Amino acid sequence: MTEQRPYTYTVLRYVHDARAGEMLNVGIVLHVAAEHRLLVKTRHTHGRLKDAFPDLDGEAFRGAMRAVERAIRAVAEDVAATTLLSGQGDAASYARKAMAADDSALQWSSVGSGLTNDAEATLERLFERLVRRNDDRTVRRRVDEEVWRPVREKLAERNVQVPFEPKVIAGSLDSITFEHAWKNGSWHVYEPVSLDLADRDGIMAKTHRWLGHLAAVQDGAQDPLKLHFILGAPQDPALEPAYRRAVALFRQAALDPEVLEEGDVDALVARIEDEVRAHHDEVGGRH
């Protein structure tokens, strides 16, 4: 029986919209230290990505994949030639040597590991499981605006005219523009956030980006503010634990937001209606 040897791997992700947490896996780098081997496999077609992200530049994407493969293979030559070097890193560290971590659309995941007696077969298995697995069943993910749509439609059904306008909160290091805000003594701000993403990492990444933005603008929130987040749940029931964790994190965020879920929309709309009508009555009484 062929000896099982430890390996590490990292996933190459195409991040279409960092703020929205929209990403798809597009490649695998695998390192087997005992064999001084570094292998790479990337997506050569972009059909699934175009389905998910219609504005994707297909030619630029294919060129980027070719460039990543060339860079990884150059590092692989060094790994094969230098025994000392090959024992000092894992797949993620070598991948970053080939393509440094930055703010580009291509990002490396954290490192994974396992045992293999056939590096090529393991690379193919990982590629099938982590990259190709959904090629024949691309799921359309809901965007933020689709989480807001029921609120907008129910307000229209009730003939509630809310004077929404953008509200900018600018801190010393960052700023956020909230599109759905109106003022009634204090600012009432409503922000839809779709967590209907492909995996736990996407849900957590989007959640933590929001937490970071809120913390960065907290020192600039001078006006009285009532911030409400309306969170959209993932379609995949297996992601419910990640979604629940995200809900809990949002509830602990800076600016003390109220966190609502899609089942709370009717109650939210009724509350907005009461507040708007009370505001109109108060303004009318002054004239």
Protein backbone atom coordinates (compact mmCIF):
# COMPACT_ATOMS: atom_id res chain seq x y z
CA MET A 1 0.00 0.00 0.00
CA THR A 2 1.38 3.38 -0.97
CA GLU A 3 2.33 5.57 2.00
CA GLN A 4 -0.12 8.34 2.94
CA ARG A 5 1.65 11.71 3.12
CA PRO A 6 0.44 15.02 4.58
CA TYR A 7 -0.58 17.73 2.18
CA THR A 8 -1.87 21.28 2.46
CA TYR A 9 -4.03 23.22 0.03
CA THR A 10 -5.47 26.67 -0.54
CA VAL A 11 -8.43 27.76 -2.66
CA LEU A 12 -8.23 30.61 -5.16
CA ARG A 13 -11.36 32.76 -5.00
CA TYR A 14 -12.72 35.27 -7.45
CA VAL A 15 -14.23 38.10 -5.38
CA HIS A 16 -16.65 39.99 -7.60
CA ASP A 17 -17.93 42.42 -4.96
CA ALA A 18 -16.05 42.50 -1.67
CA ARG A 19 -18.65 44.56 0.15
CA ALA A 20 -21.46 42.24 -0.89
CA GLY A 21 -19.40 39.15 -0.14
CA GLU A 22 -19.94 37.81 -3.67
CA MET A 23 -17.28 35.24 -4.55
CA LEU A 24 -16.73 31.92 -6.31
CA ASN A 25 -13.91 29.39 -6.06
CA VAL A 26 -11.80 29.24 -9.22
CA GLY A 27 -8.66 27.25 -8.42
CA ILE A 28 -6.69 24.97 -6.07
CA VAL A 29 -3.00 24.93 -5.08
CA LEU A 30 -1.77 21.76 -3.35
CA HIS A 31 1.58 21.20 -1.61
CA VAL A 32 3.04 17.83 -0.58
CA ALA A 33 6.12 18.67 1.49
CA ALA A 34 7.53 15.13 1.61
CA GLU A 35 7.56 15.02 -2.20
CA HIS A 36 8.72 18.64 -2.69
CA ARG A 37 5.71 19.16 -4.96
CA LEU A 38 3.48 22.17 -5.55
CA LEU A 39 0.51 21.60 -7.90
CA VAL A 40 -2.06 24.00 -9.31
CA LYS A 41 -5.35 23.68 -11.16
CA THR A 42 -7.54 26.64 -12.12
CA ARG A 43 -10.80 27.14 -13.95
CA HIS A 44 -10.30 27.58 -17.72
CA THR A 45 -13.91 28.47 -18.52
CA HIS A 46 -16.03 31.28 -17.14
CA GLY A 47 -19.59 30.21 -17.96
CA ARG A 48 -20.64 29.72 -14.35
CA LEU A 49 -19.09 33.03 -13.34
CA LYS A 50 -20.90 34.85 -16.16
CA ASP A 51 -24.16 33.33 -14.97
CA ALA A 52 -23.53 34.65 -11.46
CA PHE A 53 -21.85 37.93 -12.50
CA PRO A 54 -23.08 39.05 -15.94
CA ASP A 55 -20.66 42.00 -16.08
CA LEU A 56 -17.59 39.75 -15.76
CA ASP A 57 -14.87 40.40 -18.37
CA GLY A 58 -14.38 36.82 -19.58
CA GLU A 59 -11.19 37.42 -21.53
CA ALA A 60 -9.56 39.25 -18.63
CA PHE A 61 -10.57 36.42 -16.30
CA ARG A 62 -9.04 33.72 -18.51
CA GLY A 63 -5.85 35.79 -18.79
CA ALA A 64 -5.69 36.10 -15.02
CA MET A 65 -6.05 32.33 -14.60
CA ARG A 66 -3.21 31.71 -17.05
CA ALA A 67 -1.03 34.20 -15.19
CA VAL A 68 -1.73 32.52 -11.84
CA GLU A 69 -0.84 29.09 -13.21
CA ARG A 70 2.45 30.40 -14.68
CA ALA A 71 3.39 32.06 -11.40
CA ILE A 72 2.58 28.97 -9.31
CA ARG A 73 4.58 26.73 -11.63
CA ALA A 74 7.58 29.04 -11.33
CA VAL A 75 7.40 28.73 -7.54
CA ALA A 76 6.91 24.96 -7.93
CA GLU A 77 10.24 24.73 -9.73
CA ASP A 78 11.96 26.33 -6.74
CA VAL A 79 10.15 23.98 -4.35
CA ALA A 80 11.26 20.95 -6.36
CA ALA A 81 14.85 22.15 -6.57
CA THR A 82 15.36 23.28 -2.98
CA THR A 83 14.72 20.72 -0.26
CA LEU A 84 15.10 23.24 2.59
CA LEU A 85 12.62 25.67 1.03
CA SER A 86 10.02 22.98 0.42
CA GLY A 87 9.93 22.10 4.12
CA GLN A 88 9.36 25.64 5.37
CA GLY A 89 5.97 26.52 3.92
CA ASP A 90 2.50 25.32 3.14
CA ALA A 91 0.28 25.69 0.07
CA ALA A 92 -1.02 29.10 1.15
CA SER A 93 2.42 30.60 1.78
CA TYR A 94 3.71 29.39 -1.59
CA ALA A 95 0.57 30.64 -3.32
CA ARG A 96 1.17 34.09 -1.84
CA LYS A 97 4.73 34.00 -3.16
CA ALA A 98 3.26 33.58 -6.62
CA MET A 99 0.47 36.11 -6.14
CA ALA A 100 0.63 38.39 -3.12
CA ALA A 101 -2.45 39.03 -1.01
CA ASP A 102 -3.89 42.46 -1.88
CA ASP A 103 -7.22 44.10 -2.65
CA SER A 104 -7.59 42.52 -6.10
CA ALA A 105 -10.47 40.31 -7.20
CA LEU A 106 -8.38 37.14 -6.73
CA GLN A 107 -7.84 36.04 -3.13
CA TRP A 108 -6.37 32.97 -1.42
CA SER A 109 -8.30 31.12 1.27
CA SER A 110 -6.88 29.95 4.58
CA VAL A 111 -4.95 26.68 4.43
CA GLY A 112 -6.55 23.21 4.53
CA SER A 113 -4.82 19.87 5.00
CA GLY A 114 -5.13 16.11 4.67
CA LEU A 115 -3.32 12.91 3.71
CA THR A 116 -2.69 11.64 0.19
CA ASN A 117 -0.99 8.80 -1.63
CA ASP A 118 -1.65 10.37 -5.05
CA ALA A 119 -1.14 14.14 -5.26
CA GLU A 120 -2.66 14.52 -8.74
CA ALA A 121 -5.79 12.56 -7.81
CA THR A 122 -6.18 14.58 -4.62
CA LEU A 123 -5.83 17.84 -6.54
CA GLU A 124 -8.52 16.71 -8.97
CA ARG A 125 -10.82 15.60 -6.14
CA LEU A 126 -10.45 18.94 -4.36
CA PHE A 127 -11.05 20.81 -7.61
CA GLU A 128 -14.23 18.84 -8.30
CA ARG A 129 -15.53 19.32 -4.75
CA LEU A 130 -14.60 22.95 -4.17
CA VAL A 131 -14.60 24.51 -7.65
CA ARG A 132 -16.76 22.49 -10.06
CA ARG A 133 -19.37 21.15 -7.65
CA ASN A 134 -22.12 23.64 -8.60
CA ASP A 135 -21.40 24.05 -12.31
CA ASP A 136 -24.63 22.35 -13.33
CA ARG A 137 -26.83 24.04 -10.75
CA THR A 138 -25.87 27.65 -10.41
CA VAL A 139 -28.01 29.18 -7.67
CA ARG A 140 -29.06 32.76 -8.05
CA ARG A 141 -28.29 34.61 -4.83
CA ARG A 142 -30.49 37.44 -3.63
CA VAL A 143 -28.88 40.87 -3.47
CA ASP A 144 -29.44 43.56 -0.85
CA GLU A 145 -32.13 45.36 -2.85
CA GLU A 146 -34.22 42.18 -2.97
CA VAL A 147 -34.26 42.11 0.84
CA TRP A 148 -35.53 45.71 0.80
CA ARG A 149 -38.18 45.13 -1.89
CA PRO A 150 -40.90 43.67 0.42
CA VAL A 151 -40.59 46.71 2.69
CA ARG A 152 -40.94 49.07 -0.26
CA GLU A 153 -43.88 47.16 -1.72
CA LYS A 154 -45.79 46.88 1.56
CA LEU A 155 -45.36 50.60 2.23
CA ALA A 156 -46.76 51.28 -1.24
CA GLU A 157 -49.72 48.94 -0.60
CA ARG A 158 -50.55 50.95 2.53
CA ASN A 159 -50.09 54.22 0.64
CA VAL A 160 -47.41 55.30 3.10
CA GLN A 161 -45.21 58.00 1.56
CA VAL A 162 -41.90 57.94 3.41
CA PRO A 163 -39.49 60.81 2.58
CA PHE A 164 -36.48 58.53 2.23
CA GLU A 165 -33.16 60.16 1.39
CA PRO A 166 -29.49 59.14 1.62
CA LYS A 167 -27.79 59.63 4.96
CA VAL A 168 -24.00 59.76 5.13
CA ILE A 169 -22.18 58.97 8.35
CA ALA A 170 -18.54 59.99 8.08
CA GLY A 171 -16.00 58.99 10.70
CA SER A 172 -12.34 59.93 10.82
CA LEU A 173 -11.33 56.83 8.84
CA ASP A 174 -14.36 55.79 6.81
CA SER A 175 -17.85 56.78 5.69
CA ILE A 176 -21.08 54.92 4.95
CA THR A 177 -23.95 56.10 2.77
CA PHE A 178 -27.29 54.64 3.85
CA GLU A 179 -29.83 54.95 1.01
CA HIS A 180 -33.04 54.53 3.03
CA ALA A 181 -33.23 57.18 5.74
CA TRP A 182 -35.69 59.81 6.91
CA LYS A 183 -35.69 62.31 9.77
CA ASN A 184 -38.30 62.62 12.48
CA GLY A 185 -36.44 64.31 15.32
CA SER A 186 -33.80 61.61 14.98
CA TRP A 187 -32.66 59.86 11.81
CA HIS A 188 -34.40 56.57 11.05
CA VAL A 189 -32.07 54.50 8.88
CA TYR A 190 -32.93 51.14 7.27
CA GLU A 191 -30.22 49.00 5.68
CA PRO A 192 -31.01 45.71 3.88
CA VAL A 193 -28.21 43.14 3.96
CA SER A 194 -28.51 39.90 2.00
CA LEU A 195 -26.67 37.02 3.63
CA ASP A 196 -27.93 34.69 0.90
CA LEU A 197 -24.40 33.63 0.01
CA ALA A 198 -22.79 30.42 -1.15
CA ASP A 199 -20.96 29.38 2.01
CA ARG A 200 -20.15 30.16 5.63
CA ASP A 201 -16.99 32.08 4.71
CA GLY A 202 -18.99 34.44 2.50
CA ILE A 203 -21.55 35.08 5.23
CA MET A 204 -18.87 35.74 7.85
CA ALA A 205 -16.80 37.91 5.50
CA LYS A 206 -19.75 40.16 4.66
CA THR A 207 -20.77 40.37 8.32
CA HIS A 208 -17.28 41.33 9.47
CA ARG A 209 -16.95 43.95 6.75
CA TRP A 210 -20.13 45.59 8.03
CA LEU A 211 -18.91 45.41 11.62
CA GLY A 212 -15.66 47.05 10.59
CA HIS A 213 -17.40 49.83 8.66
CA LEU A 214 -19.71 50.60 11.58
CA ALA A 215 -16.84 50.72 14.07
CA ALA A 216 -14.86 53.01 11.74
CA VAL A 217 -17.66 55.60 11.43
CA GLN A 218 -18.86 55.50 15.02
CA ASP A 219 -16.95 58.65 15.97
CA GLY A 220 -18.76 60.58 13.22
CA ALA A 221 -22.33 59.74 14.26
CA GLN A 222 -23.24 63.14 15.73
CA ASP A 223 -26.97 63.27 14.96
CA PRO A 224 -29.45 61.13 16.94
CA LEU A 225 -29.66 57.90 14.96
CA LYS A 226 -31.90 54.84 14.95
CA LEU A 227 -30.23 52.26 12.73
CA HIS A 228 -32.13 49.17 11.57
CA PHE A 229 -30.58 46.26 9.68
CA ILE A 230 -32.91 43.96 7.74
CA LEU A 231 -31.08 40.67 7.18
CA GLY A 232 -31.86 38.24 4.38
CA ALA A 233 -31.28 34.57 5.19
CA PRO A 234 -29.38 32.08 2.96
CA GLN A 235 -31.37 29.66 0.82
CA ASP A 236 -29.24 26.68 1.90
CA PRO A 237 -30.53 25.27 5.24
CA ALA A 238 -27.02 24.00 5.98
CA LEU A 239 -25.91 27.63 6.38
CA GLU A 240 -28.43 28.37 9.15
CA PRO A 241 -25.78 28.18 11.94
CA ALA A 242 -23.57 30.68 10.11
CA TYR A 243 -26.56 32.95 9.54
CA ARG A 244 -27.53 32.78 13.24
CA ARG A 245 -23.99 33.72 14.22
CA ALA A 246 -24.11 36.65 11.79
CA VAL A 247 -27.40 37.86 13.32
CA ALA A 248 -25.84 37.76 16.79
CA LEU A 249 -22.77 39.67 15.60
CA PHE A 250 -24.87 42.38 13.95
CA ARG A 251 -26.76 42.83 17.23
CA GLN A 252 -23.46 43.59 18.98
CA ALA A 253 -22.25 46.05 16.33
CA ALA A 254 -21.26 49.67 16.83
CA LEU A 255 -24.07 52.29 16.66
CA ASP A 256 -26.35 49.86 18.52
CA PRO A 257 -28.48 48.77 15.53
CA GLU A 258 -31.83 47.06 15.74
CA VAL A 259 -31.54 43.80 13.79
CA LEU A 260 -34.61 42.55 11.95
CA GLU A 261 -35.15 39.44 9.87
CA GLU A 262 -37.44 38.93 6.91
CA GLY A 263 -40.20 37.56 9.13
CA ASP A 264 -40.24 40.93 10.92
CA VAL A 265 -41.08 42.93 7.78
CA ASP A 266 -44.82 43.25 8.43
CA ALA A 267 -44.24 44.55 11.95
CA LEU A 268 -41.55 46.92 10.68
CA VAL A 269 -43.80 48.35 7.97
CA ALA A 270 -46.63 48.88 10.49
CA ARG A 271 -44.22 50.72 12.79
CA ILE A 272 -42.91 52.90 9.96
CA GLU A 273 -46.50 53.71 8.98
CA ASP A 274 -47.35 54.77 12.55
CA GLU A 275 -44.23 56.92 12.81
CA VAL A 276 -44.78 58.60 9.44
CA ARG A 277 -48.45 59.37 10.10
CA ALA A 278 -47.63 60.70 13.56
CA HIS A 279 -44.95 62.89 12.01
CA HIS A 280 -47.38 64.24 9.40
CA ASP A 281 -49.99 64.96 12.10
CA GLU A 282 -47.39 66.77 14.19
CA VAL A 283 -46.18 68.86 11.25
CA GLY A 284 -49.78 69.59 10.18
CA GLY A 285 -50.66 70.73 13.69
CA ARG A 286 -48.00 73.39 13.55
CA HIS A 287 -49.63 75.10 10.60
